[in-house]
C-alpha atoms as a PDB file:
ATOM      1  CA  MET A   1      91.829 192.073  -7.981  1.00  0.00           C
ATOM      2  CA  GLU A   2      92.554 194.396  -5.081  1.00  0.00           C
ATOM      3  CA  LYS A   3      91.040 191.985  -2.746  1.00  0.00           C
ATOM      4  CA  SER A   4      93.201 189.227  -4.122  1.00  0.00           C
ATOM      5  CA  GLN A   5      96.191 191.271  -3.420  1.00  0.00           C
ATOM      6  CA  ASN A   6      95.139 192.306   0.031  1.00  0.00           C
ATOM      7  CA  HIS A   7      94.524 188.487   0.741  1.00  0.00           C
ATOM      8  CA  THR A   8      97.899 187.609  -0.511  1.00  0.00           C
ATOM      9  CA  ALA A   9      99.694 190.276   1.692  1.00  0.00           C
ATOM     10  CA  ARG A  10      98.003 189.223   4.762  1.00  0.00           C
ATOM     11  CA  ILE A  11      99.136 185.709   4.119  1.00  0.00           C
ATOM     12  CA  ILE A  12     102.632 186.851   3.656  1.00  0.00           C
ATOM     13  CA  LEU A  13     102.590 188.892   6.769  1.00  0.00           C
ATOM     14  CA  LEU A  14     101.338 186.211   8.798  1.00  0.00           C
ATOM     15  CA  LEU A  15     104.110 183.791   7.504  1.00  0.00           C
ATOM     16  CA  LEU A  16     106.634 186.329   8.229  1.00  0.00           C
ATOM     17  CA  VAL A  17     105.186 186.634  12.108  1.00  0.00           C
ATOM     18  CA  LEU A  18     105.374 182.897  12.399  1.00  0.00           C
ATOM     19  CA  VAL A  19     109.252 182.728  11.284  1.00  0.00           C
ATOM     20  CA  LEU A  20     110.333 185.668  13.371  1.00  0.00           C
ATOM     21  CA  GLY A  21     108.555 183.912  16.297  1.00  0.00           C
ATOM     22  CA  PHE A  22     110.412 180.666  15.534  1.00  0.00           C
ATOM     23  CA  PHE A  23     113.702 182.101  15.528  1.00  0.00           C
ATOM     24  CA  ALA A  24     113.063 184.117  18.511  1.00  0.00           C
ATOM     25  CA  PHE A  25     111.866 181.149  20.460  1.00  0.00           C
ATOM     26  CA  LYS A  26     114.908 179.250  19.218  1.00  0.00           C
ATOM     27  CA  LYS A  27     117.218 182.006  20.320  1.00  0.00           C
ATOM     28  CA  CYS A  28     115.428 181.997  23.807  1.00  0.00           C
ATOM     29  CA  GLY A  29     115.902 178.242  24.300  1.00  0.00           C
ATOM     30  CA  HIS A  30     119.706 178.429  23.444  1.00  0.00           C
ATOM     31  CA  SER A  31     120.331 181.124  25.904  1.00  0.00           C
ATOM     32  CA  GLN A  32     118.925 179.179  28.865  1.00  0.00           C
ATOM     33  CA  LYS A  33     121.734 177.017  30.751  1.00  0.00           C
ATOM     34  CA  GLU A  34     120.860 173.301  30.567  1.00  0.00           C
ATOM     35  CA  GLU A  35     120.953 171.443  33.945  1.00  0.00           C
ATOM     36  CA  PRO A  36     123.763 168.957  34.159  1.00  0.00           C
ATOM     37  CA  ALA A  37     122.801 165.440  34.714  1.00  0.00           C
ATOM     38  CA  ALA A  38     123.314 164.200  38.192  1.00  0.00           C
ATOM     39  CA  PRO A  39     126.108 161.859  38.571  1.00  0.00           C
ATOM     40  CA  ILE A  40     125.694 158.254  39.169  1.00  0.00           C
ATOM     41  CA  ASP A  41     126.582 157.127  42.668  1.00  0.00           C
ATOM     42  CA  THR A  42     128.047 153.697  41.773  1.00  0.00           C
ATOM     43  CA  MET A  43     128.745 152.797  45.283  1.00  0.00           C
ATOM     44  CA  ALA A  44     125.321 153.341  46.357  1.00  0.00           C
ATOM     45  CA  VAL A  45     123.914 151.409  43.357  1.00  0.00           C
ATOM     46  CA  LEU A  46     126.043 148.598  44.015  1.00  0.00           C
ATOM     47  CA  VAL A  47     125.098 148.280  47.764  1.00  0.00           C
ATOM     48  CA  ARG A  48     121.436 148.581  46.678  1.00  0.00           C
ATOM     49  CA  GLN A  49     121.989 145.691  44.048  1.00  0.00           C
ATOM     50  CA  ILE A  50     123.625 143.406  46.469  1.00  0.00           C
ATOM     51  CA  GLN A  51     120.948 144.054  49.271  1.00  0.00           C
ATOM     52  CA  ASP A  52     118.639 142.716  46.796  1.00  0.00           C
ATOM     53  CA  CYS A  53     120.107 139.569  47.091  1.00  0.00           C
ATOM     54  CA  SER A  54     118.630 139.369  50.589  1.00  0.00           C
ATOM     55  CA  ARG A  55     119.338 135.791  51.808  1.00  0.00           C
ATOM     56  CA  LEU A  56     121.363 134.137  49.326  1.00  0.00           C
ATOM     57  CA  TYR A  57     121.660 130.251  49.655  1.00  0.00           C
ATOM     58  CA  THR A  58     125.186 129.289  48.436  1.00  0.00           C
ATOM     59  CA  THR A  59     125.709 125.681  49.564  1.00  0.00           C
ATOM     60  CA  GLU A  60     123.536 122.622  50.258  1.00  0.00           C
ATOM     61  CA  ILE A  61     124.941 119.373  51.536  1.00  0.00           C
ATOM     62  CA  ASP A  62     123.051 116.151  52.155  1.00  0.00           C
ATOM     63  CA  VAL A  63     124.639 114.108  54.995  1.00  0.00           C
ATOM     64  CA  LYS A  64     124.034 110.437  55.909  1.00  0.00           C
ATOM     65  CA  LYS A  65     125.141 109.092  59.384  1.00  0.00           C
ATOM     66  CA  LEU A  66     124.571 105.693  60.915  1.00  0.00           C
ATOM     67  CA  ILE A  67     124.099 105.832  64.805  1.00  0.00           C
ATOM     68  CA  VAL A  68     125.286 102.394  66.065  1.00  0.00           C
ATOM     69  CA  GLN A  69     124.932 101.626  69.797  1.00  0.00           C
ATOM     70  CA  SER A  70     125.610  98.336  71.631  1.00  0.00           C
ATOM     71  CA  ASP A  71     125.451  97.198  75.253  1.00  0.00           C
ATOM     72  CA  LYS A  72     125.681  93.938  77.260  1.00  0.00           C
ATOM     73  CA  ARG A  73     123.347  93.566  80.283  1.00  0.00           C
ATOM     74  CA  SER A  74     125.209  92.586  83.566  1.00  0.00           C
ATOM     75  CA  ILE A  75     124.254  92.003  87.011  1.00  0.00           C
ATOM     76  CA  ASP A  76     125.935  93.993  89.935  1.00  0.00           C
ATOM     77  CA  ALA A  77     125.948  92.283  93.454  1.00  0.00           C
ATOM     78  CA  THR A  78     127.767  92.779  96.768  1.00  0.00           C
ATOM     79  CA  VAL A  79     128.762  89.524  98.597  1.00  0.00           C
ATOM     80  CA  LEU A  80     130.761  89.721 102.133  1.00  0.00           C
ATOM     81  CA  GLY A  81     131.286  93.510 101.409  1.00  0.00           C
ATOM     82  CA  MET A  82     132.874  92.671  97.963  1.00  0.00           C
ATOM     83  CA  LYS A  83     131.398  94.033  94.813  1.00  0.00           C
ATOM     84  CA  PHE A  84     130.951  91.602  91.833  1.00  0.00           C
ATOM     85  CA  LYS A  85     129.733  92.117  88.268  1.00  0.00           C
ATOM     86  CA  TRP A  86     128.624  89.118  85.998  1.00  0.00           C
ATOM     87  CA  ASP A  87     127.656  89.571  82.457  1.00  0.00           C
ATOM     88  CA  VAL A  88     124.272  87.941  81.629  1.00  0.00           C
ATOM     89  CA  PRO A  89     124.568  85.254  78.902  1.00  0.00           C
ATOM     90  CA  ARG A  90     122.887  86.341  75.790  1.00  0.00           C
ATOM     91  CA  GLY A  91     122.184  89.605  77.135  1.00  0.00           C
ATOM     92  CA  ARG A  92     123.633  91.769  74.566  1.00  0.00           C
ATOM     93  CA  ARG A  93     121.669  93.983  72.301  1.00  0.00           C
ATOM     94  CA  TYR A  94     122.573  96.650  69.565  1.00  0.00           C
ATOM     95  CA  VAL A  95     120.895  98.824  67.126  1.00  0.00           C
ATOM     96  CA  ALA A  96     121.806 100.640  63.935  1.00  0.00           C
ATOM     97  CA  ILE A  97     119.771 103.911  62.831  1.00  0.00           C
ATOM     98  CA  PRO A  98     120.410 105.416  59.694  1.00  0.00           C
ATOM     99  CA  LEU A  99     120.044 109.174  59.771  1.00  0.00           C
ATOM    100  CA  GLU A 100     119.687 111.599  56.820  1.00  0.00           C
ATOM    101  CA  ALA A 101     120.303 115.449  57.115  1.00  0.00           C
ATOM    102  CA  THR A 102     120.236 118.490  55.024  1.00  0.00           C
ATOM    103  CA  LEU A 103     122.715 121.383  55.718  1.00  0.00           C
ATOM    104  CA  LYS A 104     122.098 124.766  53.813  1.00  0.00           C
ATOM    105  CA  ALA A 105     124.718 127.615  54.207  1.00  0.00           C
ATOM    106  CA  TYR A 106     123.600 131.173  53.141  1.00  0.00           C
ATOM    107  CA  VAL A 107     124.715 134.675  53.332  1.00  0.00           C
ATOM    108  CA  ASP A 108     122.308 137.334  54.642  1.00  0.00           C
ATOM    109  CA  PHE A 109     122.822 140.716  52.710  1.00  0.00           C
ATOM    110  CA  SER A 110     120.032 142.697  54.729  1.00  0.00           C
ATOM    111  CA  ASP A 111     122.670 144.547  56.615  1.00  0.00           C
ATOM    112  CA  PHE A 112     125.208 145.029  53.644  1.00  0.00           C
ATOM    113  CA  SER A 113     126.634 148.554  53.377  1.00  0.00           C
ATOM    114  CA  GLU A 114     129.673 150.404  51.937  1.00  0.00           C
ATOM    115  CA  LYS A 115     131.621 149.137  54.785  1.00  0.00           C
ATOM    116  CA  ASN A 116     131.786 145.876  52.977  1.00  0.00           C
ATOM    117  CA  ILE A 117     133.126 147.463  50.080  1.00  0.00           C
ATOM    118  CA  LYS A 118     136.934 148.294  49.256  1.00  0.00           C
ATOM    119  CA  ARG A 119     137.644 149.941  45.901  1.00  0.00           C
ATOM    120  CA  LYS A 120     140.905 151.150  44.750  1.00  0.00           C
ATOM    121  CA  GLY A 121     140.755 152.330  41.053  1.00  0.00           C
ATOM    122  CA  ASP A 122     139.310 149.677  38.849  1.00  0.00           C
ATOM    123  CA  LYS A 123     140.058 146.898  41.551  1.00  0.00           C
ATOM    124  CA  LEU A 124     136.872 146.092  43.774  1.00  0.00           C
ATOM    125  CA  GLU A 125     136.754 143.779  46.804  1.00  0.00           C
ATOM    126  CA  VAL A 126     133.431 142.675  48.278  1.00  0.00           C
ATOM    127  CA  ILE A 127     133.637 141.481  51.856  1.00  0.00           C
ATOM    128  CA  LEU A 128     130.676 139.073  52.419  1.00  0.00           C
ATOM    129  CA  PRO A 129     128.824 139.081  55.793  1.00  0.00           C
ATOM    130  CA  ASP A 130     129.525 136.006  58.077  1.00  0.00           C
ATOM    131  CA  PRO A 131     127.750 133.042  56.612  1.00  0.00           C
ATOM    132  CA  LYS A 132     125.105 131.257  58.447  1.00  0.00           C
ATOM    133  CA  ILE A 133     124.822 127.428  58.258  1.00  0.00           C
ATOM    134  CA  MET A 134     121.319 125.715  59.074  1.00  0.00           C
ATOM    135  CA  LEU A 135     120.365 122.140  59.604  1.00  0.00           C
ATOM    136  CA  THR A 136     117.075 122.282  58.042  1.00  0.00           C
ATOM    137  CA  GLN A 137     116.120 118.822  58.507  1.00  0.00           C
ATOM    138  CA  THR A 138     116.772 115.342  59.815  1.00  0.00           C
ATOM    139  CA  LYS A 139     115.218 112.280  58.884  1.00  0.00           C
ATOM    140  CA  VAL A 140     115.473 108.659  60.239  1.00  0.00           C
ATOM    141  CA  ASN A 141     115.216 105.726  57.659  1.00  0.00           C
ATOM    142  CA  HIS A 142     112.671 103.694  59.829  1.00  0.00           C
ATOM    143  CA  GLU A 143     112.707 100.722  57.058  1.00  0.00           C
ATOM    144  CA  ALA A 144     116.774 100.419  57.310  1.00  0.00           C
ATOM    145  CA  ILE A 145     116.814 100.307  61.060  1.00  0.00           C
ATOM    146  CA  LYS A 146     118.594  97.096  62.349  1.00  0.00           C
ATOM    147  CA  LYS A 147     118.102  95.952  65.917  1.00  0.00           C
ATOM    148  CA  HIS A 148     119.136  92.761  67.738  1.00  0.00           C
ATOM    149  CA  GLU A 149     117.837  92.188  71.155  1.00  0.00           C
ATOM    150  CA  ASP A 150     118.621  88.833  73.171  1.00  0.00           C
ATOM    151  CA  TRP A 151     115.937  87.138  75.389  1.00  0.00           C
ATOM    152  CA  PHE A 152     117.618  88.528  78.501  1.00  0.00           C
ATOM    153  CA  SER A 153     118.271  91.900  77.340  1.00  0.00           C
ATOM    154  CA  PRO A 154     115.327  94.634  77.532  1.00  0.00           C
ATOM    155  CA  ASN A 155     114.055  96.080  74.211  1.00  0.00           C
ATOM    156  CA  TYR A 156     115.026  99.623  73.001  1.00  0.00           C
ATOM    157  CA  THR A 157     112.483 102.107  74.154  1.00  0.00           C
ATOM    158  CA  ASP A 158     110.893 104.874  72.163  1.00  0.00           C
ATOM    159  CA  GLU A 159     113.005 107.369  74.734  1.00  0.00           C
ATOM    160  CA  GLU A 160     116.168 105.418  74.163  1.00  0.00           C
ATOM    161  CA  MET A 161     115.590 105.642  70.158  1.00  0.00           C
ATOM    162  CA  MET A 162     114.924 109.423  70.504  1.00  0.00           C
ATOM    163  CA  LYS A 163     118.090 109.841  72.502  1.00  0.00           C
ATOM    164  CA  LEU A 164     120.207 108.116  69.989  1.00  0.00           C
ATOM    165  CA  THR A 165     118.793 110.152  67.040  1.00  0.00           C
ATOM    166  CA  ALA A 166     119.450 113.295  69.021  1.00  0.00           C
ATOM    167  CA  GLN A 167     123.002 112.401  69.608  1.00  0.00           C
ATOM    168  CA  GLY A 168     123.471 111.522  65.965  1.00  0.00           C
ATOM    169  CA  ARG A 169     122.049 115.179  65.072  1.00  0.00           C
ATOM    170  CA  SER A 170     124.455 116.602  67.386  1.00  0.00           C
ATOM    171  CA  ASP A 171     127.443 114.738  66.098  1.00  0.00           C
ATOM    172  CA  ILE A 172     126.431 116.012  62.666  1.00  0.00           C
ATOM    173  CA  MET A 173     126.447 119.573  63.748  1.00  0.00           C
ATOM    174  CA  ASP A 174     129.754 119.010  65.436  1.00  0.00           C
ATOM    175  CA  SER A 175     131.179 117.717  62.151  1.00  0.00           C
ATOM    176  CA  ILE A 176     130.332 120.662  60.051  1.00  0.00           C
ATOM    177  CA  PRO A 177     133.589 122.509  60.502  1.00  0.00           C
ATOM    178  CA  LYS A 178     135.230 119.597  58.787  1.00  0.00           C
ATOM    179  CA  MET A 179     133.165 119.749  55.840  1.00  0.00           C
ATOM    180  CA  ASN A 180     134.972 122.779  53.782  1.00  0.00           C
ATOM    181  CA  ILE A 181     131.549 124.465  53.761  1.00  0.00           C
ATOM    182  CA  ILE A 182     132.887 127.893  54.119  1.00  0.00           C
ATOM    183  CA  PRO A 183     135.165 127.997  51.080  1.00  0.00           C
ATOM    184  CA  THR A 184     132.303 126.466  48.940  1.00  0.00           C
ATOM    185  CA  ALA A 185     130.043 129.110  50.349  1.00  0.00           C
ATOM    186  CA  GLN A 186     132.425 131.847  49.131  1.00  0.00           C
ATOM    187  CA  GLU A 187     132.754 130.338  45.663  1.00  0.00           C
ATOM    188  CA  ALA A 188     129.247 129.963  45.226  1.00  0.00           C
ATOM    189  CA  ALA A 189     128.593 133.634  46.315  1.00  0.00           C
ATOM    190  CA  ALA A 190     131.101 134.735  43.997  1.00  0.00           C
ATOM    191  CA  LYS A 191     129.393 133.064  41.045  1.00  0.00           C
ATOM    192  CA  VAL A 192     126.203 135.203  41.748  1.00  0.00           C
ATOM    193  CA  LEU A 193     127.808 138.262  42.661  1.00  0.00           C
ATOM    194  CA  VAL A 194     130.630 138.659  39.918  1.00  0.00           C
ATOM    195  CA  PRO A 195     128.127 138.995  37.019  1.00  0.00           C
ATOM    196  CA  LEU A 196     126.136 141.318  39.073  1.00  0.00           C
ATOM    197  CA  LEU A 197     129.243 143.588  39.428  1.00  0.00           C
ATOM    198  CA  GLU A 198     130.105 143.071  35.806  1.00  0.00           C
ATOM    199  CA  GLN A 199     126.932 144.736  34.703  1.00  0.00           C
ATOM    200  CA  LEU A 200     127.764 147.752  36.791  1.00  0.00           C
ATOM    201  CA  GLY A 201     131.065 148.175  34.625  1.00  0.00           C
ATOM    202  CA  PHE A 202     133.683 146.123  36.884  1.00  0.00           C
ATOM    203  CA  LYS A 203     135.948 143.483  34.932  1.00  0.00           C
ATOM    204  CA  GLU A 204     136.005 140.182  36.405  1.00  0.00           C
ATOM    205  CA  GLU A 205     139.840 140.024  36.916  1.00  0.00           C
ATOM    206  CA  ASN A 206     139.415 143.264  38.991  1.00  0.00           C
ATOM    207  CA  ILE A 207     136.854 141.584  41.361  1.00  0.00           C
ATOM    208  CA  THR A 208     137.545 139.791  44.674  1.00  0.00           C
ATOM    209  CA  ILE A 209     134.834 138.067  46.672  1.00  0.00           C
ATOM    210  CA  THR A 210     135.920 137.161  50.273  1.00  0.00           C
ATOM    211  CA  PHE A 211     134.902 136.688  53.912  1.00  0.00           C
ATOM    212  CA  ARG A 212     136.424 139.011  56.542  1.00  0.00           C
ATOM    213  CA  LYS A 213     138.637 136.332  57.999  1.00  0.00           C
ATOM    214  CA  GLU A 214     139.473 132.650  57.715  1.00  0.00           C
ATOM    215  CA  PHE A 215     137.215 131.149  60.349  1.00  0.00           C
ATOM    216  CA  ILE A 216     138.456 128.592  63.032  1.00  0.00           C
ATOM    217  CA  PHE A 217     136.451 125.466  64.134  1.00  0.00           C
ATOM    218  CA  ASP A 218     134.588 126.929  67.118  1.00  0.00           C
ATOM    219  CA  GLU A 219     133.562 130.184  65.177  1.00  0.00           C
ATOM    220  CA  ILE A 220     131.915 127.983  62.448  1.00  0.00           C
ATOM    221  CA  LYS A 221     130.126 126.201  64.992  1.00  0.00           C
ATOM    222  CA  ARG A 222     128.596 129.342  66.234  1.00  0.00           C
ATOM    223  CA  MET A 223     127.524 130.207  62.804  1.00  0.00           C
ATOM    224  CA  LEU A 224     124.718 127.295  63.151  1.00  0.00           C
ATOM    225  CA  VAL A 225     121.123 128.674  63.317  1.00  0.00           C
ATOM    226  CA  ASN A 226     118.180 126.760  63.952  1.00  0.00           C
ATOM    227  CA  GLY A 227     116.104 125.430  60.764  1.00  0.00           C
END
């Protein structure tokens, strides 16, 4: 009987020690100051998110151009010190070369930084890096080439055909500033960036996506890069 009582007393004492230890630990835990959570640097997060876009292709345009060239063979001669020029009958030739090209515009965000962001309260303006325009490929539709060469006119050589094709490519590049490609690139970039910015807590009506300026004809031509 006495042994049973001693055993019960030991159990009660052990439980008392455990309870006191629990409350002591809890009190100690509350006495320690909790470290405040580090504030989120929204601008830094924003910059990293946009940099992750890397090279953002915004616009792709398929261009078709018909290169037409014609000439007429003539003979130059000097008689008694006077110069004469006669057109050779049936000496005319012409060629029409269909040329297909693909243009791509993109924005490179690799150097994007906080300098490209203007924030005023809830208003956010993202200034895009200057776009680049790439002529990715040109292709001659050989099956659709039309040629006419008279008996007295020389046939078009491979060198002449290559020069005409190169001229057509140059003409396409010269026409790029007239293609409204910059506003299209800006609109396409906005469609990608606005949802990303909304995820960071900005409202669509408070977001502006723009380029640093309106580019003139010659500036757009300088945006061309080799494909």
